[in-house]
Amino acid sequence: MIESNPLDKATSLFVDLQNQYPLYPTGFVTCSTEGCNRQARINNKCGHCLEADMAKLIGAPLAHDLHMSIQESRELWRIALDELQTT
């Protein structure tokens, strides 16, 4: 997707950030950002680099809060799935 405006760019980054926290097992590789050695979903940047890109659009505090809320919601959902499987 080619982002033509800040809203499109932010939306694309948000979706990419969500994809860094899959609900099920998946493959990871090294982040596509040059010099970054963190883990990322295949053909993508890691959460840290996506957060940095988002910070350029909406500011660092909000980008960080957004990143953490996505990460926490995925972790809670995984816990919920585990509970469903054990009941």
N, C-alpha and C. Protein backbone atom coordinates (compact mmCIF):
# COMPACT_ATOMS: atom_id res chain seq x y z
N MET A 1 0.83 -1.19 0.00
CA MET A 1 0.00 0.00 0.00
C MET A 1 0.87 1.24 0.00
N ILE A 2 0.60 2.16 -0.89
CA ILE A 2 1.32 3.43 -0.94
C ILE A 2 0.53 4.45 -0.15
N GLU A 3 1.13 4.97 0.90
CA GLU A 3 0.45 5.93 1.74
C GLU A 3 0.56 7.32 1.13
N SER A 4 -0.59 7.93 0.86
CA SER A 4 -0.59 9.24 0.20
C SER A 4 -0.74 10.37 1.19
N ASN A 5 -1.14 10.09 2.42
CA ASN A 5 -1.30 11.15 3.39
C ASN A 5 -1.00 10.61 4.78
N PRO A 6 -0.88 11.48 5.79
CA PRO A 6 -0.54 11.01 7.14
C PRO A 6 -1.54 10.02 7.73
N LEU A 7 -2.82 10.19 7.45
CA LEU A 7 -3.83 9.26 7.98
C LEU A 7 -3.63 7.86 7.41
N ASP A 8 -3.37 7.76 6.11
CA ASP A 8 -3.11 6.46 5.50
C ASP A 8 -1.84 5.83 6.05
N LYS A 9 -0.82 6.65 6.22
CA LYS A 9 0.46 6.16 6.75
C LYS A 9 0.27 5.65 8.18
N ALA A 10 -0.43 6.42 9.02
CA ALA A 10 -0.66 6.02 10.40
C ALA A 10 -1.49 4.73 10.46
N THR A 11 -2.49 4.62 9.61
CA THR A 11 -3.32 3.42 9.59
C THR A 11 -2.49 2.21 9.18
N SER A 12 -1.65 2.37 8.19
CA SER A 12 -0.79 1.27 7.74
C SER A 12 0.17 0.85 8.86
N LEU A 13 0.76 1.82 9.55
CA LEU A 13 1.66 1.52 10.65
C LEU A 13 0.93 0.81 11.78
N PHE A 14 -0.30 1.24 12.07
CA PHE A 14 -1.11 0.62 13.11
C PHE A 14 -1.36 -0.85 12.80
N VAL A 15 -1.74 -1.14 11.58
CA VAL A 15 -1.99 -2.53 11.16
C VAL A 15 -0.70 -3.34 11.24
N ASP A 16 0.40 -2.77 10.77
CA ASP A 16 1.69 -3.48 10.85
C ASP A 16 2.08 -3.75 12.30
N LEU A 17 1.82 -2.78 13.17
CA LEU A 17 2.14 -2.95 14.59
C LEU A 17 1.29 -4.06 15.19
N GLN A 18 0.01 -4.10 14.86
CA GLN A 18 -0.85 -5.19 15.34
C GLN A 18 -0.32 -6.55 14.87
N ASN A 19 0.16 -6.60 13.66
CA ASN A 19 0.66 -7.86 13.10
C ASN A 19 1.93 -8.36 13.78
N GLN A 20 2.60 -7.50 14.54
CA GLN A 20 3.80 -7.94 15.25
C GLN A 20 3.47 -8.80 16.45
N TYR A 21 2.19 -8.85 16.83
CA TYR A 21 1.76 -9.62 18.00
C TYR A 21 0.68 -10.61 17.59
N PRO A 22 1.08 -11.68 16.92
CA PRO A 22 0.11 -12.66 16.41
C PRO A 22 -0.55 -13.44 17.54
N LEU A 23 -1.74 -13.92 17.26
CA LEU A 23 -2.46 -14.72 18.24
C LEU A 23 -2.01 -16.17 18.24
N TYR A 24 -1.43 -16.61 17.16
CA TYR A 24 -1.03 -18.00 17.02
C TYR A 24 0.43 -18.07 16.61
N PRO A 25 1.07 -19.22 16.79
CA PRO A 25 2.49 -19.36 16.39
C PRO A 25 2.70 -18.98 14.92
N THR A 26 3.79 -18.31 14.67
CA THR A 26 4.11 -17.86 13.32
C THR A 26 5.61 -17.66 13.19
N GLY A 27 6.06 -17.37 11.98
CA GLY A 27 7.48 -17.17 11.74
C GLY A 27 7.93 -15.74 12.00
N PHE A 28 9.14 -15.62 12.49
CA PHE A 28 9.74 -14.31 12.71
C PHE A 28 11.12 -14.31 12.07
N VAL A 29 11.56 -13.13 11.67
CA VAL A 29 12.88 -12.93 11.10
C VAL A 29 13.46 -11.66 11.72
N THR A 30 14.64 -11.28 11.29
CA THR A 30 15.24 -10.04 11.76
C THR A 30 14.52 -8.86 11.13
N CYS A 31 14.33 -7.81 11.89
CA CYS A 31 13.67 -6.58 11.44
C CYS A 31 14.26 -6.11 10.11
N SER A 32 13.39 -5.55 9.26
CA SER A 32 13.85 -5.09 7.96
C SER A 32 14.54 -3.73 8.00
N THR A 33 14.55 -3.07 9.17
CA THR A 33 15.25 -1.79 9.31
C THR A 33 16.75 -2.06 9.40
N GLU A 34 17.50 -1.39 8.56
CA GLU A 34 18.95 -1.59 8.54
C GLU A 34 19.55 -1.28 9.91
N GLY A 35 20.33 -2.21 10.42
CA GLY A 35 21.01 -2.03 11.70
C GLY A 35 20.20 -2.51 12.90
N CYS A 36 18.95 -2.86 12.72
CA CYS A 36 18.12 -3.36 13.82
C CYS A 36 18.18 -4.88 13.82
N ASN A 37 18.43 -5.46 14.97
CA ASN A 37 18.53 -6.92 15.08
C ASN A 37 17.38 -7.54 15.86
N ARG A 38 16.30 -6.77 16.06
CA ARG A 38 15.15 -7.31 16.78
C ARG A 38 14.35 -8.24 15.88
N GLN A 39 13.49 -9.03 16.50
CA GLN A 39 12.64 -9.96 15.76
C GLN A 39 11.40 -9.25 15.23
N ALA A 40 11.00 -9.63 14.02
CA ALA A 40 9.82 -9.04 13.38
C ALA A 40 9.12 -10.13 12.57
N ARG A 41 7.85 -9.89 12.31
CA ARG A 41 7.14 -10.78 11.41
C ARG A 41 7.81 -10.72 10.05
N ILE A 42 7.67 -11.74 9.27
CA ILE A 42 8.33 -11.84 7.98
C ILE A 42 8.03 -10.61 7.11
N ASN A 43 9.06 -10.05 6.48
CA ASN A 43 8.97 -8.89 5.59
C ASN A 43 8.42 -7.65 6.26
N ASN A 44 8.83 -7.40 7.51
CA ASN A 44 8.31 -6.22 8.19
C ASN A 44 9.33 -5.68 9.17
N LYS A 45 9.02 -4.51 9.71
CA LYS A 45 9.81 -3.93 10.77
C LYS A 45 9.34 -4.49 12.10
N CYS A 46 10.20 -4.40 13.11
CA CYS A 46 9.82 -4.84 14.46
C CYS A 46 8.92 -3.79 15.11
N GLY A 47 8.33 -4.16 16.23
CA GLY A 47 7.45 -3.24 16.94
C GLY A 47 8.15 -1.96 17.34
N HIS A 48 9.40 -2.06 17.76
CA HIS A 48 10.16 -0.88 18.17
C HIS A 48 10.33 0.11 17.00
N CYS A 49 10.69 -0.39 15.84
CA CYS A 49 10.90 0.48 14.67
C CYS A 49 9.57 1.04 14.16
N LEU A 50 8.50 0.22 14.21
CA LEU A 50 7.19 0.73 13.81
C LEU A 50 6.72 1.82 14.77
N GLU A 51 6.99 1.63 16.06
CA GLU A 51 6.66 2.66 17.05
C GLU A 51 7.41 3.96 16.74
N ALA A 52 8.67 3.85 16.38
CA ALA A 52 9.46 5.04 16.05
C ALA A 52 8.89 5.75 14.82
N ASP A 53 8.46 4.98 13.83
CA ASP A 53 7.84 5.59 12.64
C ASP A 53 6.52 6.28 13.01
N MET A 54 5.74 5.62 13.87
CA MET A 54 4.47 6.19 14.30
C MET A 54 4.70 7.47 15.11
N ALA A 55 5.76 7.48 15.91
CA ALA A 55 6.08 8.66 16.73
C ALA A 55 6.32 9.90 15.88
N LYS A 56 6.84 9.71 14.69
CA LYS A 56 7.06 10.84 13.79
C LYS A 56 5.74 11.48 13.37
N LEU A 57 4.67 10.70 13.40
CA LEU A 57 3.35 11.20 12.97
C LEU A 57 2.51 11.71 14.13
N ILE A 58 2.54 10.98 15.27
CA ILE A 58 1.63 11.32 16.37
C ILE A 58 2.32 11.67 17.67
N GLY A 59 3.63 11.67 17.69
CA GLY A 59 4.38 11.97 18.90
C GLY A 59 4.77 10.71 19.65
N ALA A 60 5.91 10.77 20.31
CA ALA A 60 6.46 9.59 20.98
C ALA A 60 5.59 9.06 22.12
N PRO A 61 5.05 9.91 23.01
CA PRO A 61 4.26 9.36 24.11
C PRO A 61 3.03 8.57 23.64
N LEU A 62 2.29 9.11 22.69
CA LEU A 62 1.10 8.43 22.19
C LEU A 62 1.47 7.17 21.41
N ALA A 63 2.52 7.24 20.61
CA ALA A 63 2.97 6.07 19.85
C ALA A 63 3.36 4.94 20.81
N HIS A 64 4.06 5.29 21.89
CA HIS A 64 4.46 4.28 22.87
C HIS A 64 3.24 3.67 23.55
N ASP A 65 2.31 4.51 23.98
CA ASP A 65 1.09 4.01 24.63
C ASP A 65 0.31 3.10 23.69
N LEU A 66 0.21 3.48 22.45
CA LEU A 66 -0.50 2.68 21.45
C LEU A 66 0.18 1.32 21.29
N HIS A 67 1.49 1.33 21.15
CA HIS A 67 2.25 0.09 21.01
C HIS A 67 2.03 -0.82 22.21
N MET A 68 2.14 -0.26 23.42
CA MET A 68 1.97 -1.07 24.62
C MET A 68 0.55 -1.62 24.75
N SER A 69 -0.45 -0.84 24.36
CA SER A 69 -1.83 -1.32 24.46
C SER A 69 -2.08 -2.47 23.48
N ILE A 70 -1.50 -2.40 22.30
CA ILE A 70 -1.63 -3.51 21.34
C ILE A 70 -0.96 -4.75 21.90
N GLN A 71 0.24 -4.60 22.40
CA GLN A 71 0.97 -5.73 22.96
C GLN A 71 0.19 -6.35 24.13
N GLU A 72 -0.30 -5.52 25.04
CA GLU A 72 -1.02 -6.02 26.20
C GLU A 72 -2.33 -6.70 25.81
N SER A 73 -3.05 -6.13 24.84
CA SER A 73 -4.33 -6.74 24.45
C SER A 73 -4.10 -8.12 23.81
N ARG A 74 -3.04 -8.27 23.04
CA ARG A 74 -2.73 -9.57 22.44
C ARG A 74 -2.34 -10.58 23.52
N GLU A 75 -1.59 -10.14 24.52
CA GLU A 75 -1.20 -11.05 25.59
C GLU A 75 -2.43 -11.48 26.39
N LEU A 76 -3.35 -10.56 26.66
CA LEU A 76 -4.58 -10.90 27.37
C LEU A 76 -5.44 -11.87 26.55
N TRP A 77 -5.49 -11.66 25.24
CA TRP A 77 -6.26 -12.56 24.40
C TRP A 77 -5.67 -13.96 24.40
N ARG A 78 -4.34 -14.07 24.40
CA ARG A 78 -3.71 -15.38 24.46
C ARG A 78 -4.04 -16.08 25.79
N ILE A 79 -4.07 -15.33 26.87
CA ILE A 79 -4.45 -15.90 28.16
C ILE A 79 -5.88 -16.39 28.13
N ALA A 80 -6.76 -15.59 27.53
CA ALA A 80 -8.17 -15.98 27.40
C ALA A 80 -8.30 -17.26 26.58
N LEU A 81 -7.55 -17.36 25.49
CA LEU A 81 -7.59 -18.58 24.67
C LEU A 81 -7.11 -19.79 25.46
N ASP A 82 -6.07 -19.61 26.24
CA ASP A 82 -5.57 -20.71 27.08
C ASP A 82 -6.65 -21.15 28.06
N GLU A 83 -7.35 -20.19 28.66
CA GLU A 83 -8.43 -20.52 29.60
C GLU A 83 -9.53 -21.32 28.91
N LEU A 84 -9.89 -20.91 27.71
CA LEU A 84 -10.94 -21.62 26.97
C LEU A 84 -10.53 -23.05 26.65
N GLN A 85 -9.26 -23.25 26.40
CA GLN A 85 -8.79 -24.58 26.05
C GLN A 85 -8.70 -25.50 27.26
N THR A 86 -8.59 -24.94 28.46
CA THR A 86 -8.47 -25.76 29.66
C THR A 86 -9.80 -26.01 30.35
N THR A 87 -10.86 -25.35 29.87
CA THR A 87 -12.17 -25.55 30.52
C THR A 87 -13.00 -26.54 29.76
